């Protein structure tokens, strides 16, 4: 597994999948011409290419982005950016896209899982409480659905819940079964 995300690691472990962790630092910038699910697909593939693999290994890399309209909401740099992101998401629907890359020597398969998330209106006090208490600075879109905000703000999701947490486990198992000989 080529991911530093503790949530991805936890989801795979909880699904009973064994893996070795191997990561490399990779530039996470992308072309502004990429939109929605194209972004994490590109980043997952790019991250995969940065990690050396051996014969008979299958490397798994992933990336998740939150998109509100056509705007990508990455991990916030500070309290103010997190507050601005959550204020933008308040009372609106947005998309969470996760790109997953499976790679073996000489072959690669990339897929994207997309989930629609709808937030109810949040008060400024709720937003500030969440940021101060949960420090969502390592999360795309400034939130973790599995935390307090998921219980309080998410009024509906359409699609895969684990995808919003950080990894579409059921789809991954299906795609892995097709990819591996």
C-alpha atoms as a PDB file:
ATOM      1  CA  UNK A   1       0.000   0.000   0.000  1.00  0.00           C
ATOM      2  CA  UNK A   2       1.476   3.302  -1.051  1.00  0.00           C
ATOM      3  CA  UNK A   3      -0.547   5.634   1.158  1.00  0.00           C
ATOM      4  CA  UNK A   4       0.313   7.597   4.285  1.00  0.00           C
ATOM      5  CA  UNK A   5      -3.372   8.037   5.133  1.00  0.00           C
ATOM      6  CA  UNK A   6      -4.203   6.413   8.467  1.00  0.00           C
ATOM      7  CA  UNK A   7      -7.852   6.237   7.400  1.00  0.00           C
ATOM      8  CA  UNK A   8      -7.028   4.218   4.257  1.00  0.00           C
ATOM      9  CA  UNK A   9      -4.777   1.915   6.220  1.00  0.00           C
ATOM     10  CA  UNK A  10      -7.489   1.405   8.837  1.00  0.00           C
ATOM     11  CA  UNK A  11     -10.220   0.725   6.250  1.00  0.00           C
ATOM     12  CA  UNK A  12      -8.104  -1.914   4.501  1.00  0.00           C
ATOM     13  CA  UNK A  13      -7.124  -3.556   7.791  1.00  0.00           C
ATOM     14  CA  UNK A  14     -10.736  -3.568   9.022  1.00  0.00           C
ATOM     15  CA  UNK A  15     -11.746  -5.251   5.754  1.00  0.00           C
ATOM     16  CA  UNK A  16      -9.296  -8.053   6.559  1.00  0.00           C
ATOM     17  CA  UNK A  17      -6.791  -7.154   3.856  1.00  0.00           C
ATOM     18  CA  UNK A  18      -3.107  -7.579   4.605  1.00  0.00           C
ATOM     19  CA  UNK A  19      -0.633  -5.133   3.115  1.00  0.00           C
ATOM     20  CA  UNK A  20       2.862  -3.765   3.480  1.00  0.00           C
ATOM     21  CA  UNK A  21       3.207  -0.011   3.727  1.00  0.00           C
ATOM     22  CA  UNK A  22       5.608   1.569   1.262  1.00  0.00           C
ATOM     23  CA  UNK A  23       5.388   5.250   0.359  1.00  0.00           C
ATOM     24  CA  UNK A  24       7.369   7.897  -1.465  1.00  0.00           C
ATOM     25  CA  UNK A  25       7.025  11.651  -1.462  1.00  0.00           C
ATOM     26  CA  UNK A  26       5.383  12.816  -4.673  1.00  0.00           C
ATOM     27  CA  UNK A  27       4.364  16.236  -5.906  1.00  0.00           C
ATOM     28  CA  UNK A  28       0.580  16.471  -5.622  1.00  0.00           C
ATOM     29  CA  UNK A  29       0.070  19.304  -8.072  1.00  0.00           C
ATOM     30  CA  UNK A  30      -2.083  18.715 -11.135  1.00  0.00           C
ATOM     31  CA  UNK A  31      -3.104  20.435 -14.343  1.00  0.00           C
ATOM     32  CA  UNK A  32      -5.993  22.906 -14.032  1.00  0.00           C
ATOM     33  CA  UNK A  33      -7.454  21.189 -17.099  1.00  0.00           C
ATOM     34  CA  UNK A  34      -8.284  18.130 -14.965  1.00  0.00           C
ATOM     35  CA  UNK A  35     -11.764  18.124 -13.416  1.00  0.00           C
ATOM     36  CA  UNK A  36     -13.555  16.133 -10.700  1.00  0.00           C
ATOM     37  CA  UNK A  37     -12.579  12.465 -10.625  1.00  0.00           C
ATOM     38  CA  UNK A  38      -9.822  12.980 -13.201  1.00  0.00           C
ATOM     39  CA  UNK A  39      -7.742  14.679 -10.491  1.00  0.00           C
ATOM     40  CA  UNK A  40      -7.477  11.816  -7.972  1.00  0.00           C
ATOM     41  CA  UNK A  41      -7.092   9.304 -10.829  1.00  0.00           C
ATOM     42  CA  UNK A  42      -4.081  11.259 -12.098  1.00  0.00           C
ATOM     43  CA  UNK A  43      -2.615  11.694  -8.596  1.00  0.00           C
ATOM     44  CA  UNK A  44      -3.054   8.013  -7.659  1.00  0.00           C
ATOM     45  CA  UNK A  45      -1.287   6.972 -10.866  1.00  0.00           C
ATOM     46  CA  UNK A  46       1.463   9.556 -10.387  1.00  0.00           C
ATOM     47  CA  UNK A  47       2.058   8.407  -6.797  1.00  0.00           C
ATOM     48  CA  UNK A  48       2.228   4.815  -7.990  1.00  0.00           C
ATOM     49  CA  UNK A  49       4.937   5.639 -10.509  1.00  0.00           C
ATOM     50  CA  UNK A  50       7.058   7.136  -7.710  1.00  0.00           C
ATOM     51  CA  UNK A  51       7.250   3.828  -5.797  1.00  0.00           C
ATOM     52  CA  UNK A  52       9.494   0.954  -6.813  1.00  0.00           C
ATOM     53  CA  UNK A  53       7.825  -2.449  -6.955  1.00  0.00           C
ATOM     54  CA  UNK A  54       9.198  -5.957  -7.276  1.00  0.00           C
ATOM     55  CA  UNK A  55       8.083  -8.851  -9.431  1.00  0.00           C
ATOM     56  CA  UNK A  56       4.775 -10.405  -8.273  1.00  0.00           C
ATOM     57  CA  UNK A  57       3.823  -7.390  -6.131  1.00  0.00           C
ATOM     58  CA  UNK A  58       0.652  -5.396  -6.507  1.00  0.00           C
ATOM     59  CA  UNK A  59       0.958  -1.771  -5.422  1.00  0.00           C
ATOM     60  CA  UNK A  60      -2.135   0.147  -4.349  1.00  0.00           C
ATOM     61  CA  UNK A  61      -2.107   3.951  -4.328  1.00  0.00           C
ATOM     62  CA  UNK A  62      -5.006   6.345  -3.884  1.00  0.00           C
ATOM     63  CA  UNK A  63      -5.948   9.984  -3.632  1.00  0.00           C
ATOM     64  CA  UNK A  64      -9.167  11.685  -2.567  1.00  0.00           C
ATOM     65  CA  UNK A  65     -10.489  15.129  -3.490  1.00  0.00           C
ATOM     66  CA  UNK A  66     -13.563  17.029  -2.406  1.00  0.00           C
ATOM     67  CA  UNK A  67     -15.229  19.110  -5.122  1.00  0.00           C
ATOM     68  CA  UNK A  68     -17.810  21.823  -4.604  1.00  0.00           C
ATOM     69  CA  UNK A  69     -19.130  22.766  -8.019  1.00  0.00           C
ATOM     70  CA  UNK A  70     -15.858  22.799 -10.009  1.00  0.00           C
ATOM     71  CA  UNK A  71     -13.683  23.928  -7.076  1.00  0.00           C
ATOM     72  CA  UNK A  72     -11.295  21.403  -5.538  1.00  0.00           C
ATOM     73  CA  UNK A  73     -11.097  21.596  -1.760  1.00  0.00           C
ATOM     74  CA  UNK A  74      -7.742  20.211  -0.690  1.00  0.00           C
ATOM     75  CA  UNK A  75      -6.434  19.891   2.853  1.00  0.00           C
ATOM     76  CA  UNK A  76      -6.698  23.244   4.626  1.00  0.00           C
ATOM     77  CA  UNK A  77      -3.510  25.065   5.544  1.00  0.00           C
ATOM     78  CA  UNK A  78      -4.909  26.708   8.675  1.00  0.00           C
ATOM     79  CA  UNK A  79      -7.979  27.468  10.786  1.00  0.00           C
ATOM     80  CA  UNK A  80      -9.217  30.261   8.500  1.00  0.00           C
ATOM     81  CA  UNK A  81      -8.997  28.114   5.365  1.00  0.00           C
ATOM     82  CA  UNK A  82     -10.816  25.242   7.112  1.00  0.00           C
ATOM     83  CA  UNK A  83     -13.502  27.678   8.269  1.00  0.00           C
ATOM     84  CA  UNK A  84     -13.927  29.038   4.721  1.00  0.00           C
ATOM     85  CA  UNK A  85     -14.214  25.523   3.269  1.00  0.00           C
ATOM     86  CA  UNK A  86     -16.779  24.328   5.803  1.00  0.00           C
ATOM     87  CA  UNK A  87     -18.756  27.547   5.398  1.00  0.00           C
ATOM     88  CA  UNK A  88     -18.834  26.912   1.643  1.00  0.00           C
ATOM     89  CA  UNK A  89     -20.023  23.323   2.150  1.00  0.00           C
ATOM     90  CA  UNK A  90     -22.738  24.364   4.618  1.00  0.00           C
ATOM     91  CA  UNK A  91     -26.218  23.757   3.224  1.00  0.00           C
ATOM     92  CA  UNK A  92     -24.883  22.386  -0.069  1.00  0.00           C
ATOM     93  CA  UNK A  93     -24.073  19.180  -1.874  1.00  0.00           C
ATOM     94  CA  UNK A  94     -20.576  18.275  -2.972  1.00  0.00           C
ATOM     95  CA  UNK A  95     -18.684  15.312  -4.404  1.00  0.00           C
ATOM     96  CA  UNK A  96     -15.954  13.171  -2.924  1.00  0.00           C
ATOM     97  CA  UNK A  97     -13.854  11.456  -5.599  1.00  0.00           C
ATOM     98  CA  UNK A  98     -11.252   8.791  -4.825  1.00  0.00           C
ATOM     99  CA  UNK A  99      -8.874   7.587  -7.488  1.00  0.00           C
ATOM    100  CA  UNK A 100      -7.249   4.194  -6.934  1.00  0.00           C
ATOM    101  CA  UNK A 101      -4.336   2.801  -8.911  1.00  0.00           C
ATOM    102  CA  UNK A 102      -3.425  -0.898  -8.972  1.00  0.00           C
ATOM    103  CA  UNK A 103       0.001  -1.601 -10.461  1.00  0.00           C
ATOM    104  CA  UNK A 104       2.091  -4.649 -11.144  1.00  0.00           C
ATOM    105  CA  UNK A 105       5.216  -4.902 -13.271  1.00  0.00           C
ATOM    106  CA  UNK A 106       4.212  -3.872 -16.780  1.00  0.00           C
ATOM    107  CA  UNK A 107       0.549  -3.108 -16.122  1.00  0.00           C
ATOM    108  CA  UNK A 108      -1.643  -0.619 -14.343  1.00  0.00           C
ATOM    109  CA  UNK A 109      -5.358  -0.142 -13.682  1.00  0.00           C
ATOM    110  CA  UNK A 110      -6.927   3.078 -12.380  1.00  0.00           C
ATOM    111  CA  UNK A 111     -10.530   3.590 -11.301  1.00  0.00           C
ATOM    112  CA  UNK A 112     -12.503   6.351  -9.587  1.00  0.00           C
ATOM    113  CA  UNK A 113     -15.320   6.096  -7.051  1.00  0.00           C
ATOM    114  CA  UNK A 114     -17.529   9.176  -6.598  1.00  0.00           C
ATOM    115  CA  UNK A 115     -19.943   9.876  -3.749  1.00  0.00           C
ATOM    116  CA  UNK A 116     -22.352  12.792  -3.362  1.00  0.00           C
ATOM    117  CA  UNK A 117     -22.513  14.283   0.138  1.00  0.00           C
ATOM    118  CA  UNK A 118     -25.141  16.780   1.302  1.00  0.00           C
ATOM    119  CA  UNK A 119     -24.525  19.030   4.315  1.00  0.00           C
ATOM    120  CA  UNK A 120     -27.272  20.759   6.248  1.00  0.00           C
ATOM    121  CA  UNK A 121     -26.792  24.414   7.168  1.00  0.00           C
ATOM    122  CA  UNK A 122     -24.075  24.812   9.803  1.00  0.00           C
ATOM    123  CA  UNK A 123     -23.767  27.674  12.238  1.00  0.00           C
ATOM    124  CA  UNK A 124     -20.488  29.522  12.605  1.00  0.00           C
ATOM    125  CA  UNK A 125     -20.276  28.161  16.164  1.00  0.00           C
ATOM    126  CA  UNK A 126     -20.600  24.568  14.929  1.00  0.00           C
ATOM    127  CA  UNK A 127     -17.922  25.106  12.295  1.00  0.00           C
ATOM    128  CA  UNK A 128     -15.510  26.694  14.770  1.00  0.00           C
ATOM    129  CA  UNK A 129     -16.194  24.013  17.396  1.00  0.00           C
ATOM    130  CA  UNK A 130     -15.455  21.258  14.888  1.00  0.00           C
ATOM    131  CA  UNK A 131     -12.197  22.816  13.712  1.00  0.00           C
ATOM    132  CA  UNK A 132     -10.989  23.601  17.254  1.00  0.00           C
ATOM    133  CA  UNK A 133     -11.900  20.139  18.558  1.00  0.00           C
ATOM    134  CA  UNK A 134     -11.063  17.850  15.645  1.00  0.00           C
ATOM    135  CA  UNK A 135      -8.281  19.774  13.847  1.00  0.00           C
ATOM    136  CA  UNK A 136      -9.220  18.598  10.312  1.00  0.00           C
ATOM    137  CA  UNK A 137      -6.044  19.926   8.695  1.00  0.00           C
ATOM    138  CA  UNK A 138      -5.093  16.559   7.194  1.00  0.00           C
ATOM    139  CA  UNK A 139      -8.468  16.047   5.508  1.00  0.00           C
ATOM    140  CA  UNK A 140      -9.608  17.042   2.037  1.00  0.00           C
ATOM    141  CA  UNK A 141     -12.503  19.475   2.334  1.00  0.00           C
ATOM    142  CA  UNK A 142     -11.661  20.109   6.020  1.00  0.00           C
ATOM    143  CA  UNK A 143     -13.821  17.320   7.401  1.00  0.00           C
ATOM    144  CA  UNK A 144     -13.946  13.667   8.340  1.00  0.00           C
ATOM    145  CA  UNK A 145     -17.394  12.125   7.872  1.00  0.00           C
ATOM    146  CA  UNK A 146     -16.561   9.564  10.569  1.00  0.00           C
ATOM    147  CA  UNK A 147     -16.184  12.369  13.145  1.00  0.00           C
ATOM    148  CA  UNK A 148     -18.632  14.626  14.975  1.00  0.00           C
ATOM    149  CA  UNK A 149     -19.358  16.675  11.856  1.00  0.00           C
ATOM    150  CA  UNK A 150     -20.503  13.584   9.980  1.00  0.00           C
ATOM    151  CA  UNK A 151     -23.156  12.926  12.596  1.00  0.00           C
ATOM    152  CA  UNK A 152     -24.212  16.553  12.865  1.00  0.00           C
ATOM    153  CA  UNK A 153     -23.833  17.995   9.357  1.00  0.00           C
ATOM    154  CA  UNK A 154     -24.301  15.244   6.790  1.00  0.00           C
ATOM    155  CA  UNK A 155     -27.977  15.022   5.928  1.00  0.00           C
ATOM    156  CA  UNK A 156     -27.548  12.562   3.044  1.00  0.00           C
ATOM    157  CA  UNK A 157     -24.995  10.671   1.000  1.00  0.00           C
ATOM    158  CA  UNK A 158     -25.470   8.964  -2.331  1.00  0.00           C
ATOM    159  CA  UNK A 159     -22.859   6.306  -2.890  1.00  0.00           C
ATOM    160  CA  UNK A 160     -20.108   4.672  -0.909  1.00  0.00           C
ATOM    161  CA  UNK A 161     -19.645   5.795   2.713  1.00  0.00           C
ATOM    162  CA  UNK A 162     -16.083   4.357   3.068  1.00  0.00           C
ATOM    163  CA  UNK A 163     -15.169   6.363  -0.030  1.00  0.00           C
ATOM    164  CA  UNK A 164     -15.920   9.558   1.898  1.00  0.00           C
ATOM    165  CA  UNK A 165     -13.815   8.262   4.798  1.00  0.00           C
ATOM    166  CA  UNK A 166     -10.968   7.803   2.321  1.00  0.00           C
ATOM    167  CA  UNK A 167     -11.116   4.518   0.402  1.00  0.00           C
ATOM    168  CA  UNK A 168     -13.882   2.683  -1.534  1.00  0.00           C
ATOM    169  CA  UNK A 169     -13.221  -0.757  -0.046  1.00  0.00           C
ATOM    170  CA  UNK A 170     -16.011  -2.786  -1.736  1.00  0.00           C
ATOM    171  CA  UNK A 171     -15.213  -1.382  -5.183  1.00  0.00           C
ATOM    172  CA  UNK A 172     -11.499  -1.951  -4.535  1.00  0.00           C
ATOM    173  CA  UNK A 173     -12.074  -5.633  -3.703  1.00  0.00           C
ATOM    174  CA  UNK A 174     -14.121  -6.016  -6.895  1.00  0.00           C
ATOM    175  CA  UNK A 175     -11.508  -4.254  -9.086  1.00  0.00           C
ATOM    176  CA  UNK A 176      -8.637  -6.167  -7.451  1.00  0.00           C
ATOM    177  CA  UNK A 177     -10.363  -9.474  -8.249  1.00  0.00           C
ATOM    178  CA  UNK A 178     -10.522  -8.485 -11.912  1.00  0.00           C
ATOM    179  CA  UNK A 179      -6.968  -7.049 -12.016  1.00  0.00           C
ATOM    180  CA  UNK A 180      -5.065  -9.896 -10.406  1.00  0.00           C
ATOM    181  CA  UNK A 181      -4.552 -13.033 -12.510  1.00  0.00           C
END
